[in-house]
């Protein structure tokens, strides 16, 4: 039983460390302005997806499926 508790604590610590590292990277990217520069690229990638979604939903609404 004692070994199981130790393994559980080790896993919990690993998750905590991973979360701190992820948060640190996210915070560093946010402060450095990476998200402001990548906005155009994300818009370029997402725009066709949004247009397709709008087209499909309008087609479904026009055909009376909703």
N, C-alpha and C. Protein backbone atom coordinates (compact mmCIF):
# COMPACT_ATOMS: atom_id res chain seq x y z
N UNK A 1 0.82 -1.19 0.00
CA UNK A 1 0.00 0.00 0.00
C UNK A 1 0.87 1.25 0.00
N UNK A 2 1.99 1.17 0.71
CA UNK A 2 2.87 2.34 0.80
C UNK A 2 3.50 2.66 -0.56
N UNK A 3 3.85 1.62 -1.33
CA UNK A 3 4.44 1.85 -2.64
C UNK A 3 3.45 2.51 -3.58
N UNK A 4 2.20 2.12 -3.52
CA UNK A 4 1.17 2.69 -4.37
C UNK A 4 1.00 4.18 -4.09
N UNK A 5 1.04 4.55 -2.83
CA UNK A 5 0.89 5.95 -2.44
C UNK A 5 2.07 6.77 -2.97
N UNK A 6 3.28 6.20 -2.91
CA UNK A 6 4.45 6.89 -3.43
C UNK A 6 4.35 7.09 -4.94
N UNK A 7 3.88 6.09 -5.67
CA UNK A 7 3.72 6.21 -7.11
C UNK A 7 2.68 7.27 -7.45
N UNK A 8 1.63 7.32 -6.66
CA UNK A 8 0.59 8.30 -6.89
C UNK A 8 1.12 9.72 -6.65
N UNK A 9 1.92 9.88 -5.62
CA UNK A 9 2.51 11.18 -5.33
C UNK A 9 3.49 11.59 -6.42
N UNK A 10 4.25 10.63 -6.93
CA UNK A 10 5.20 10.92 -8.00
C UNK A 10 4.45 11.37 -9.26
N UNK A 11 3.37 10.69 -9.61
CA UNK A 11 2.58 11.06 -10.78
C UNK A 11 1.97 12.45 -10.60
N UNK A 12 1.49 12.74 -9.39
CA UNK A 12 0.91 14.05 -9.12
C UNK A 12 1.96 15.14 -9.27
N UNK A 13 3.16 14.88 -8.78
CA UNK A 13 4.24 15.87 -8.91
C UNK A 13 4.62 16.06 -10.37
N UNK A 14 4.67 14.98 -11.14
CA UNK A 14 4.99 15.09 -12.56
C UNK A 14 3.97 15.95 -13.29
N UNK A 15 2.69 15.73 -13.00
CA UNK A 15 1.63 16.53 -13.62
C UNK A 15 1.77 17.99 -13.24
N UNK A 16 2.06 18.25 -11.98
CA UNK A 16 2.22 19.62 -11.51
C UNK A 16 3.39 20.31 -12.21
N UNK A 17 4.49 19.61 -12.35
CA UNK A 17 5.66 20.18 -13.02
C UNK A 17 5.36 20.44 -14.50
N UNK A 18 4.69 19.50 -15.16
CA UNK A 18 4.32 19.70 -16.56
C UNK A 18 3.40 20.91 -16.72
N UNK A 19 2.45 21.07 -15.80
CA UNK A 19 1.55 22.21 -15.87
C UNK A 19 2.29 23.53 -15.67
N UNK A 20 3.24 23.56 -14.73
CA UNK A 20 4.03 24.77 -14.52
C UNK A 20 4.87 25.10 -15.75
N UNK A 21 5.46 24.09 -16.38
CA UNK A 21 6.25 24.32 -17.58
C UNK A 21 5.37 24.85 -18.71
N UNK A 22 4.21 24.23 -18.92
CA UNK A 22 3.28 24.69 -19.96
C UNK A 22 2.85 26.12 -19.70
N UNK A 23 2.50 26.43 -18.47
CA UNK A 23 2.08 27.79 -18.13
C UNK A 23 3.21 28.78 -18.34
N UNK A 24 4.44 28.38 -18.00
CA UNK A 24 5.59 29.26 -18.20
C UNK A 24 5.84 29.55 -19.67
N UNK A 25 5.73 28.52 -20.51
CA UNK A 25 5.90 28.71 -21.95
C UNK A 25 4.80 29.60 -22.49
N UNK A 26 3.56 29.35 -22.09
CA UNK A 26 2.43 30.15 -22.54
C UNK A 26 2.60 31.61 -22.13
N UNK A 27 3.00 31.83 -20.90
CA UNK A 27 3.21 33.18 -20.40
C UNK A 27 4.34 33.88 -21.14
N UNK A 28 5.42 33.16 -21.40
CA UNK A 28 6.55 33.73 -22.13
C UNK A 28 6.15 34.11 -23.55
N UNK A 29 5.41 33.25 -24.21
CA UNK A 29 4.94 33.57 -25.56
C UNK A 29 4.00 34.77 -25.56
N UNK A 30 3.16 34.85 -24.55
CA UNK A 30 2.23 35.98 -24.46
C UNK A 30 2.94 37.29 -24.23
N UNK A 31 3.93 37.29 -23.36
CA UNK A 31 4.68 38.51 -23.06
C UNK A 31 5.53 38.93 -24.26
N UNK A 32 6.08 37.96 -24.98
CA UNK A 32 6.95 38.28 -26.11
C UNK A 32 6.17 38.77 -27.33
N UNK A 33 4.86 38.64 -27.33
CA UNK A 33 4.05 39.12 -28.44
C UNK A 33 3.86 38.10 -29.54
N UNK A 34 4.17 36.85 -29.27
CA UNK A 34 4.04 35.81 -30.28
C UNK A 34 2.61 35.69 -30.78
N UNK A 35 1.65 35.78 -29.89
CA UNK A 35 0.25 35.60 -30.28
C UNK A 35 -0.22 36.74 -31.17
N UNK A 36 0.30 37.94 -30.97
CA UNK A 36 -0.06 39.05 -31.83
C UNK A 36 0.48 38.85 -33.24
N UNK A 37 1.68 38.29 -33.37
CA UNK A 37 2.27 38.05 -34.68
C UNK A 37 1.65 36.86 -35.38
N UNK A 38 1.21 35.88 -34.64
CA UNK A 38 0.66 34.67 -35.25
C UNK A 38 -0.82 34.81 -35.59
N UNK A 39 -1.43 35.93 -35.24
CA UNK A 39 -2.85 36.11 -35.49
C UNK A 39 -3.18 36.03 -36.98
N UNK A 40 -2.36 36.66 -37.82
CA UNK A 40 -2.59 36.64 -39.26
C UNK A 40 -2.52 35.23 -39.83
N UNK A 41 -1.55 34.46 -39.35
CA UNK A 41 -1.40 33.09 -39.83
C UNK A 41 -2.60 32.24 -39.42
N UNK A 42 -3.05 32.40 -38.17
CA UNK A 42 -4.20 31.62 -37.71
C UNK A 42 -5.47 32.02 -38.45
N UNK A 43 -5.60 33.31 -38.76
CA UNK A 43 -6.76 33.77 -39.53
C UNK A 43 -6.72 33.17 -40.93
N UNK A 44 -5.53 33.11 -41.54
CA UNK A 44 -5.36 32.54 -42.88
C UNK A 44 -5.76 31.07 -42.88
N UNK A 45 -5.41 30.34 -41.84
CA UNK A 45 -5.75 28.92 -41.75
C UNK A 45 -7.22 28.71 -41.43
N UNK A 46 -7.77 29.51 -40.53
CA UNK A 46 -9.13 29.30 -40.05
C UNK A 46 -10.21 29.83 -40.96
N UNK A 47 -9.90 30.82 -41.78
CA UNK A 47 -10.93 31.46 -42.61
C UNK A 47 -11.65 30.47 -43.53
N UNK A 48 -10.94 29.61 -44.27
CA UNK A 48 -11.66 28.66 -45.13
C UNK A 48 -12.56 27.70 -44.33
N UNK A 49 -12.12 27.34 -43.14
CA UNK A 49 -12.92 26.45 -42.30
C UNK A 49 -14.21 27.15 -41.88
N UNK A 50 -14.10 28.41 -41.47
CA UNK A 50 -15.29 29.16 -41.07
C UNK A 50 -16.24 29.37 -42.24
N UNK A 51 -15.68 29.65 -43.43
CA UNK A 51 -16.53 29.84 -44.61
C UNK A 51 -17.27 28.55 -44.96
N UNK A 52 -16.57 27.42 -44.88
CA UNK A 52 -17.20 26.14 -45.18
C UNK A 52 -18.30 25.84 -44.16
N UNK A 53 -18.05 26.13 -42.91
CA UNK A 53 -19.05 25.90 -41.86
C UNK A 53 -20.29 26.76 -42.11
N UNK A 54 -20.09 28.02 -42.46
CA UNK A 54 -21.23 28.90 -42.74
C UNK A 54 -22.01 28.43 -43.95
N UNK A 55 -21.30 28.00 -44.98
CA UNK A 55 -21.96 27.52 -46.19
C UNK A 55 -22.79 26.27 -45.90
N UNK A 56 -22.22 25.34 -45.16
CA UNK A 56 -22.94 24.10 -44.84
C UNK A 56 -24.16 24.40 -43.97
N UNK A 57 -23.99 25.25 -42.96
CA UNK A 57 -25.14 25.54 -42.08
C UNK A 57 -26.24 26.30 -42.82
N UNK A 58 -25.87 27.20 -43.74
CA UNK A 58 -26.90 27.90 -44.52
C UNK A 58 -27.61 26.94 -45.45
N UNK A 59 -26.88 26.02 -46.03
CA UNK A 59 -27.48 25.03 -46.93
C UNK A 59 -28.47 24.14 -46.15
N UNK A 60 -28.09 23.75 -44.96
CA UNK A 60 -28.99 22.92 -44.16
C UNK A 60 -30.24 23.69 -43.77
N UNK A 61 -30.07 24.96 -43.39
CA UNK A 61 -31.23 25.77 -43.01
C UNK A 61 -32.14 26.03 -44.20
N UNK A 62 -31.57 26.27 -45.38
CA UNK A 62 -32.37 26.54 -46.57
C UNK A 62 -33.14 25.31 -47.03
N UNK A 63 -32.60 24.12 -46.79
CA UNK A 63 -33.29 22.90 -47.19
C UNK A 63 -34.32 22.46 -46.16
N UNK A 64 -34.41 23.13 -45.06
CA UNK A 64 -35.44 22.83 -44.07
C UNK A 64 -35.12 21.69 -43.14
N UNK A 65 -33.87 21.36 -42.96
CA UNK A 65 -33.50 20.28 -42.06
C UNK A 65 -33.51 20.71 -40.60
N UNK A 66 -33.52 22.00 -40.36
CA UNK A 66 -33.47 22.47 -38.97
C UNK A 66 -34.85 22.70 -38.45
